[in-house]
Structure formats: C-alpha cells, structure tokens
C-alpha atoms as a PDB file:
ATOM      1  CA  MET A   1       0.001  -0.001   0.000  1.00  0.00           C
ATOM      2  CA  ILE A   2       1.315   3.430  -1.015  1.00  0.00           C
ATOM      3  CA  GLN A   3       0.904   6.275   1.400  1.00  0.00           C
ATOM      4  CA  ALA A   4       1.247   9.894   0.601  1.00  0.00           C
ATOM      5  CA  LYS A   5       3.910  11.750   2.433  1.00  0.00           C
ATOM      6  CA  ASN A   6       3.257  15.145   3.874  1.00  0.00           C
ATOM      7  CA  VAL A   7       5.117  17.319   1.395  1.00  0.00           C
ATOM      8  CA  ALA A   8       5.090  21.050   1.762  1.00  0.00           C
ATOM      9  CA  LEU A   9       4.253  22.800  -1.480  1.00  0.00           C
ATOM     10  CA  PRO A  10       5.871  26.132  -2.199  1.00  0.00           C
ATOM     11  CA  PRO A  11       3.563  29.085  -1.557  1.00  0.00           C
ATOM     12  CA  ILE A  12       1.641  30.441  -4.564  1.00  0.00           C
ATOM     13  CA  SER A  13       2.398  34.014  -5.477  1.00  0.00           C
ATOM     14  CA  ALA A  14      -0.391  36.561  -5.844  1.00  0.00           C
ATOM     15  CA  THR A  15       0.310  36.719  -9.566  1.00  0.00           C
ATOM     16  CA  SER A  16      -0.027  32.943  -9.940  1.00  0.00           C
ATOM     17  CA  ARG A  17      -3.293  32.999  -8.002  1.00  0.00           C
ATOM     18  CA  LEU A  18      -4.624  35.784 -10.250  1.00  0.00           C
ATOM     19  CA  LEU A  19      -3.676  33.856 -13.377  1.00  0.00           C
ATOM     20  CA  LEU A  20      -5.380  30.750 -12.016  1.00  0.00           C
ATOM     21  CA  VAL A  21      -8.573  32.693 -11.287  1.00  0.00           C
ATOM     22  CA  VAL A  22      -8.527  34.269 -14.750  1.00  0.00           C
ATOM     23  CA  PHE A  23      -7.951  30.909 -16.414  1.00  0.00           C
ATOM     24  CA  LEU A  24     -10.765  29.220 -14.502  1.00  0.00           C
ATOM     25  CA  SER A  25     -13.079  32.154 -15.287  1.00  0.00           C
ATOM     26  CA  LEU A  26     -12.327  31.868 -19.001  1.00  0.00           C
ATOM     27  CA  ILE A  27     -13.133  28.178 -18.962  1.00  0.00           C
ATOM     28  CA  ALA A  28     -16.596  29.057 -17.641  1.00  0.00           C
ATOM     29  CA  VAL A  29     -17.220  32.159 -19.800  1.00  0.00           C
ATOM     30  CA  VAL A  30     -15.984  31.190 -23.292  1.00  0.00           C
ATOM     31  CA  PRO A  31     -18.758  28.653 -24.026  1.00  0.00           C
ATOM     32  CA  ALA A  32     -21.356  31.188 -22.913  1.00  0.00           C
ATOM     33  CA  LEU A  33     -19.870  33.872 -25.179  1.00  0.00           C
ATOM     34  CA  SER A  34     -20.041  31.692 -28.261  1.00  0.00           C
ATOM     35  CA  HIS A  35     -23.698  30.966 -27.509  1.00  0.00           C
ATOM     36  CA  ALA A  36     -24.402  34.671 -27.007  1.00  0.00           C
ATOM     37  CA  ARG A  37     -23.475  35.321 -30.643  1.00  0.00           C
ATOM     38  CA  VAL A  38     -26.651  33.484 -31.724  1.00  0.00           C
ATOM     39  CA  HIS A  39     -29.832  35.582 -31.875  1.00  0.00           C
ATOM     40  CA  PRO A  40     -33.424  35.186 -33.080  1.00  0.00           C
ATOM     41  CA  ILE A  41     -33.760  35.785 -36.803  1.00  0.00           C
ATOM     42  CA  GLU A  42     -34.978  39.302 -37.637  1.00  0.00           C
ATOM     43  CA  ASN A  43     -37.183  39.388 -40.708  1.00  0.00           C
ATOM     44  CA  VAL A  44     -38.175  42.720 -42.274  1.00  0.00           C
ATOM     45  CA  THR A  45     -41.933  43.148 -42.574  1.00  0.00           C
ATOM     46  CA  GLY A  46     -44.096  46.044 -43.649  1.00  0.00           C
ATOM     47  CA  SER A  47     -41.371  48.292 -45.049  1.00  0.00           C
ATOM     48  CA  THR A  48     -43.116  50.880 -47.134  1.00  0.00           C
ATOM     49  CA  ILE A  49     -42.626  51.569 -50.817  1.00  0.00           C
ATOM     50  CA  PRO A  50     -42.993  55.202 -51.940  1.00  0.00           C
ATOM     51  CA  PRO A  51     -46.233  55.749 -53.861  1.00  0.00           C
ATOM     52  CA  GLY A  52     -46.130  55.901 -57.624  1.00  0.00           C
ATOM     53  CA  LEU A  53     -43.402  53.319 -58.257  1.00  0.00           C
ATOM     54  CA  ASP A  54     -44.275  50.595 -60.725  1.00  0.00           C
ATOM     55  CA  ALA A  55     -43.180  46.972 -60.234  1.00  0.00           C
ATOM     56  CA  ALA A  56     -40.144  47.345 -62.532  1.00  0.00           C
ATOM     57  CA  LYS A  57     -38.791  50.303 -60.528  1.00  0.00           C
ATOM     58  CA  VAL A  58     -39.344  48.513 -57.227  1.00  0.00           C
ATOM     59  CA  GLU A  59     -37.518  45.438 -58.515  1.00  0.00           C
ATOM     60  CA  LYS A  60     -34.651  47.584 -59.801  1.00  0.00           C
ATOM     61  CA  ALA A  61     -34.441  49.459 -56.468  1.00  0.00           C
ATOM     62  CA  ILE A  62     -34.257  46.209 -54.483  1.00  0.00           C
ATOM     63  CA  ILE A  63     -31.563  44.772 -56.732  1.00  0.00           C
ATOM     64  CA  LEU A  64     -29.476  47.965 -56.691  1.00  0.00           C
ATOM     65  CA  GLY A  65     -29.946  48.390 -52.952  1.00  0.00           C
ATOM     66  CA  GLY A  66     -28.731  44.861 -52.309  1.00  0.00           C
ATOM     67  CA  MET A  67     -25.688  45.361 -54.446  1.00  0.00           C
ATOM     68  CA  GLN A  68     -24.466  48.120 -52.100  1.00  0.00           C
ATOM     69  CA  HIS A  69     -23.328  45.497 -49.573  1.00  0.00           C
ATOM     70  CA  GLY A  70     -22.718  42.584 -51.940  1.00  0.00           C
ATOM     71  CA  TRP A  71     -26.150  40.898 -52.136  1.00  0.00           C
ATOM     72  CA  LEU A  72     -26.729  39.227 -55.510  1.00  0.00           C
ATOM     73  CA  SER A  73     -30.388  38.927 -56.531  1.00  0.00           C
ATOM     74  CA  THR A  74     -32.216  36.431 -58.721  1.00  0.00           C
ATOM     75  CA  LYS A  75     -35.774  36.853 -59.915  1.00  0.00           C
ATOM     76  CA  VAL A  76     -38.041  34.049 -58.704  1.00  0.00           C
ATOM     77  CA  ALA A  77     -41.347  35.489 -59.949  1.00  0.00           C
ATOM     78  CA  ASP A  78     -43.073  38.845 -60.373  1.00  0.00           C
ATOM     79  CA  GLY A  79     -42.789  40.575 -57.022  1.00  0.00           C
ATOM     80  CA  HIS A  80     -40.311  38.040 -55.661  1.00  0.00           C
ATOM     81  CA  LEU A  81     -36.499  38.091 -55.616  1.00  0.00           C
ATOM     82  CA  GLN A  82     -34.001  35.869 -53.839  1.00  0.00           C
ATOM     83  CA  ALA A  83     -30.823  37.544 -52.681  1.00  0.00           C
ATOM     84  CA  THR A  84     -27.600  35.908 -51.466  1.00  0.00           C
ATOM     85  CA  ILE A  85     -24.583  37.374 -49.707  1.00  0.00           C
ATOM     86  CA  THR A  86     -21.324  35.477 -49.254  1.00  0.00           C
ATOM     87  CA  LEU A  87     -18.569  36.616 -46.907  1.00  0.00           C
ATOM     88  CA  ARG A  88     -15.584  34.335 -46.512  1.00  0.00           C
ATOM     89  CA  LYS A  89     -17.056  30.904 -45.617  1.00  0.00           C
ATOM     90  CA  HIS A  90     -20.442  32.315 -44.592  1.00  0.00           C
ATOM     91  CA  SER A  91     -23.504  32.884 -46.762  1.00  0.00           C
ATOM     92  CA  ALA A  92     -27.121  33.826 -46.309  1.00  0.00           C
ATOM     93  CA  THR A  93     -30.072  33.800 -48.676  1.00  0.00           C
ATOM     94  CA  VAL A  94     -33.258  35.810 -48.208  1.00  0.00           C
ATOM     95  CA  ASP A  95     -36.564  36.080 -50.015  1.00  0.00           C
ATOM     96  CA  THR A  96     -37.698  39.604 -50.865  1.00  0.00           C
ATOM     97  CA  GLN A  97     -41.344  39.947 -51.818  1.00  0.00           C
ATOM     98  CA  TRP A  98     -43.346  43.089 -52.490  1.00  0.00           C
ATOM     99  CA  ASP A  99     -46.608  44.548 -53.653  1.00  0.00           C
ATOM    100  CA  GLN A 100     -47.500  48.157 -54.541  1.00  0.00           C
ATOM    101  CA  SER A 101     -47.229  49.470 -50.978  1.00  0.00           C
ATOM    102  CA  SER A 102     -44.709  47.386 -48.996  1.00  0.00           C
ATOM    103  CA  TYR A 103     -42.031  44.724 -49.053  1.00  0.00           C
ATOM    104  CA  LEU A 104     -40.684  42.082 -46.757  1.00  0.00           C
ATOM    105  CA  ILE A 105     -37.336  40.338 -46.381  1.00  0.00           C
ATOM    106  CA  THR A 106     -37.390  36.850 -44.888  1.00  0.00           C
ATOM    107  CA  TYR A 107     -34.778  34.219 -44.079  1.00  0.00           C
ATOM    108  CA  LYS A 108     -34.443  31.472 -46.688  1.00  0.00           C
ATOM    109  CA  ASP A 109     -31.161  29.633 -46.046  1.00  0.00           C
ATOM    110  CA  SER A 110     -27.616  30.019 -44.729  1.00  0.00           C
ATOM    111  CA  GLN A 111     -24.237  28.347 -44.511  1.00  0.00           C
ATOM    112  CA  ASN A 112     -21.898  28.462 -41.477  1.00  0.00           C
ATOM    113  CA  LEU A 113     -24.091  30.910 -39.531  1.00  0.00           C
ATOM    114  CA  LYS A 114     -25.148  28.529 -36.743  1.00  0.00           C
ATOM    115  CA  PHE A 115     -28.811  28.482 -37.814  1.00  0.00           C
ATOM    116  CA  LYS A 116     -30.946  26.357 -35.505  1.00  0.00           C
ATOM    117  CA  ASP A 117     -34.463  26.642 -34.124  1.00  0.00           C
ATOM    118  CA  GLY A 118     -35.102  30.126 -35.497  1.00  0.00           C
ATOM    119  CA  LYS A 119     -31.791  31.491 -34.204  1.00  0.00           C
ATOM    120  CA  ILE A 120     -28.723  32.489 -36.161  1.00  0.00           C
ATOM    121  CA  HIS A 121     -25.351  34.225 -35.802  1.00  0.00           C
ATOM    122  CA  GLY A 122     -25.883  37.913 -35.032  1.00  0.00           C
ATOM    123  CA  ASN A 123     -24.016  39.012 -38.166  1.00  0.00           C
ATOM    124  CA  TYR A 124     -26.954  37.771 -40.256  1.00  0.00           C
ATOM    125  CA  ASN A 125     -29.291  40.278 -38.614  1.00  0.00           C
ATOM    126  CA  VAL A 126     -26.762  43.084 -39.230  1.00  0.00           C
ATOM    127  CA  TRP A 127     -26.541  42.100 -42.903  1.00  0.00           C
ATOM    128  CA  VAL A 128     -30.325  42.115 -43.256  1.00  0.00           C
ATOM    129  CA  ARG A 129     -30.685  45.481 -41.473  1.00  0.00           C
ATOM    130  CA  ASN A 130     -28.088  46.939 -43.877  1.00  0.00           C
ATOM    131  CA  LEU A 131     -29.920  45.394 -46.820  1.00  0.00           C
ATOM    132  CA  ASN A 132     -33.168  46.980 -45.666  1.00  0.00           C
ATOM    133  CA  LEU A 133     -31.549  50.417 -45.281  1.00  0.00           C
ATOM    134  CA  ASP A 134     -29.920  50.144 -48.704  1.00  0.00           C
ATOM    135  CA  VAL A 135     -33.239  49.123 -50.311  1.00  0.00           C
ATOM    136  CA  GLN A 136     -34.975  52.077 -48.600  1.00  0.00           C
ATOM    137  CA  ARG A 137     -32.367  54.462 -50.023  1.00  0.00           C
ATOM    138  CA  SER A 138     -32.631  52.944 -53.461  1.00  0.00           C
ATOM    139  CA  LEU A 139     -36.447  53.152 -53.425  1.00  0.00           C
ATOM    140  CA  ALA A 140     -36.217  56.807 -52.456  1.00  0.00           C
ATOM    141  CA  GLN A 141     -33.868  57.448 -55.400  1.00  0.00           C
ATOM    142  CA  GLN A 142     -36.222  55.627 -57.793  1.00  0.00           C
ATOM    143  CA  ALA A 143     -39.094  57.797 -56.575  1.00  0.00           C
ATOM    144  CA  LEU A 144     -37.344  61.032 -57.625  1.00  0.00           C
END
C-alpha cells in the first residue's frame, strides 16, 4: 500500500493566484460567449414603398440596394427576388417579396451561420438590417 507523504508545497504568489482565477473564469465564460453570438432571426416586414413606383422600378431598387453590400439577386417570380450574400465561408439567402405598398425580407437559407431553431449568428441580422436600409435608399432614389 502506497501512502502519501506530507510534502510542503511552495507558496503560490499573488500573480499565480490571479492567473489561475482568470484561467478558470475563462473556462466558464468562453462557451457562454459563443452561444451569445446566436440571436433570433430578424425578418423585415411592412417596409413601405414610396407611392407611384411601378413593379419594374421597385424590382430595380431592391436589386441595386442589395448590391451596395454585396447581395446578388435572382428573380423568382413577379414581385419576388431571392438575394444571397457570401462573406468568406459564410452565406445567407433571403426572399424579398413586395406589392404596390410594402415589401418584406425573410430568411431562406444560410451556410456556417449557426442556424438552428429560429436562431442564427448575429451578423446575419446586421446584414439584413443593412440590406433593408440600402433598399430604402434605393427606393427613395427611384421615386425622384
């Protein structure tokens, strides 16, 4: 049978204790931080279209607006575009649908954005907010 001997360990310096506390804190916090980067998907609904724009001008405004931040659009049907943005290894695809008075932008698909159960990496929501602002600007220009 092996018995442990009473061995005196050298005292731990204040700096070593601080580093140990920081290390143990990081072990607990890092997984929580990576989860915090996932947020509920934000769709754009009820964004208004200036009066007097025909369907062709609205479509053009949405395409040009998307291009401002690198969204590439494909026509699906009248009043319906699909737009995709790709940044490094990440991509997102949205549906943009409109009528004479309003449009909406809704999530369609994504790659490497941690999509699960209606939640996605927070960058997606930033991209969609920027897309919406760019479309609004482009619609305003088309209305001139």
